[in-house]
Amino acid sequence: MTNANTSEFLRVVDHAAAMNDRWLFLAAFCLLLVGGGIVIYWLVRQLEAVLAGHKLARDAQQAALTQIIATQNETALKLAVCIDRNTAALENCTLEVRRIRERT
């Protein structure tokens, strides 16, 4: 239709207007199906992107929790060693206090 003049264009439009409504319904239904398919495809892609983002966030959170737990375990071990040393030091202090009391 690159070389069509106005009268040919009007004739084609008149022919399309004279067609049965069934064809118009089928064309609109096909356009609706194609549009709906495109929208569903876009929504699925968005959902996949959101799920990928959540997976990355979950992996980062898991790594952070692992680090926190490791730090807590190290701190608990240091605290246990400190308590043992303090207990031994207090026992030594108790012995020294007893010796001082016995001398006086």
Protein backbone atom coordinates (compact mmCIF):
# COMPACT_ATOMS: atom_id res chain seq x y z
CA MET A 1 0.00 0.00 0.00
CA THR A 2 2.93 2.34 -0.42
CA ASN A 3 1.57 3.69 -3.72
CA ALA A 4 -2.07 3.82 -2.62
CA ASN A 5 -3.99 7.00 -3.09
CA THR A 6 -6.81 8.32 -0.93
CA SER A 7 -9.61 6.61 -2.83
CA GLU A 8 -7.99 3.18 -2.50
CA PHE A 9 -7.42 3.72 1.22
CA LEU A 10 -11.06 4.72 1.70
CA ARG A 11 -12.16 1.65 -0.28
CA VAL A 12 -10.11 -0.64 2.03
CA VAL A 13 -11.53 1.05 5.13
CA ASP A 14 -15.06 0.74 3.76
CA HIS A 15 -14.47 -2.96 3.03
CA ALA A 16 -13.20 -3.51 6.62
CA ALA A 17 -16.24 -1.67 8.01
CA ALA A 18 -18.58 -3.84 5.94
CA MET A 19 -17.10 -7.08 7.33
CA ASN A 20 -19.00 -9.22 9.79
CA ASP A 21 -18.63 -8.47 13.53
CA ARG A 22 -17.42 -12.03 14.06
CA TRP A 23 -14.09 -11.21 12.39
CA LEU A 24 -13.77 -8.06 14.46
CA PHE A 25 -14.37 -10.12 17.62
CA LEU A 26 -11.80 -12.72 16.55
CA ALA A 27 -9.22 -10.02 15.79
CA ALA A 28 -9.86 -8.31 19.14
CA PHE A 29 -9.71 -11.67 20.93
CA CYS A 30 -6.38 -12.51 19.26
CA LEU A 31 -5.00 -9.11 20.24
CA LEU A 32 -6.21 -9.69 23.79
CA LEU A 33 -4.51 -13.08 23.91
CA VAL A 34 -1.25 -11.70 22.57
CA GLY A 35 -1.37 -8.74 24.97
CA GLY A 36 -2.22 -10.98 27.90
CA GLY A 37 0.63 -13.32 26.97
CA ILE A 38 3.06 -10.43 26.85
CA VAL A 39 1.88 -9.14 30.24
CA ILE A 40 2.13 -12.62 31.80
CA TYR A 41 5.62 -13.08 30.34
CA TRP A 42 6.69 -9.70 31.76
CA LEU A 43 5.23 -10.55 35.18
CA VAL A 44 7.02 -13.90 35.26
CA ARG A 45 10.30 -12.20 34.41
CA GLN A 46 9.74 -9.67 37.21
CA LEU A 47 8.95 -12.48 39.63
CA GLU A 48 12.13 -14.32 38.66
CA ALA A 49 14.14 -11.13 39.23
CA VAL A 50 12.55 -10.64 42.68
CA LEU A 51 13.22 -14.27 43.61
CA ALA A 52 16.85 -13.95 42.50
CA GLY A 53 17.22 -10.82 44.62
CA HIS A 54 15.73 -12.57 47.62
CA LYS A 55 18.09 -15.51 47.12
CA LEU A 56 21.09 -13.18 47.11
CA ALA A 57 19.83 -11.43 50.24
CA ARG A 58 19.20 -14.77 51.97
CA ASP A 59 22.72 -15.97 51.09
CA ALA A 60 24.23 -12.74 52.41
CA GLN A 61 22.19 -13.04 55.61
CA GLN A 62 23.27 -16.66 56.03
CA ALA A 63 26.93 -15.68 55.65
CA ALA A 64 26.50 -12.86 58.19
CA LEU A 65 24.82 -15.19 60.68
CA THR A 66 27.62 -17.73 60.24
CA GLN A 67 30.16 -15.01 60.99
CA ILE A 68 28.21 -13.86 64.05
CA ILE A 69 27.96 -17.40 65.40
CA ALA A 70 31.68 -17.97 64.87
CA THR A 71 32.47 -14.75 66.72
CA GLN A 72 30.13 -15.72 69.56
CA ASN A 73 31.80 -19.13 69.85
CA GLU A 74 35.24 -17.51 70.02
CA THR A 75 34.03 -15.06 72.66
CA ALA A 76 32.43 -17.85 74.71
CA LEU A 77 35.68 -19.81 74.61
CA LYS A 78 37.68 -16.77 75.73
CA LEU A 79 35.17 -16.18 78.51
CA ALA A 80 35.44 -19.78 79.70
CA VAL A 81 39.25 -19.52 79.79
CA CYS A 82 38.99 -16.24 81.68
CA ILE A 83 36.60 -17.75 84.23
CA ASP A 84 38.94 -20.71 84.75
CA ARG A 85 41.91 -18.40 85.29
CA ASN A 86 39.92 -16.20 87.68
CA THR A 87 38.81 -19.25 89.62
CA ALA A 88 42.43 -20.41 89.95
CA ALA A 89 43.52 -16.91 90.98
CA LEU A 90 40.77 -16.70 93.60
CA GLU A 91 41.82 -20.07 95.00
CA ASN A 92 45.38 -18.75 95.30
CA CYS A 93 44.08 -15.63 97.01
CA THR A 94 42.07 -17.75 99.44
CA LEU A 95 45.17 -19.76 100.29
CA GLU A 96 47.20 -16.59 100.85
CA VAL A 97 44.51 -15.09 103.07
CA ARG A 98 44.48 -18.27 105.16
CA ARG A 99 48.27 -18.16 105.53
CA ILE A 100 48.15 -14.53 106.62
CA ARG A 101 45.44 -15.27 109.19
CA GLU A 102 47.38 -18.22 110.53
CA ARG A 103 50.49 -16.06 111.05
CA THR A 104 48.69 -13.48 113.07
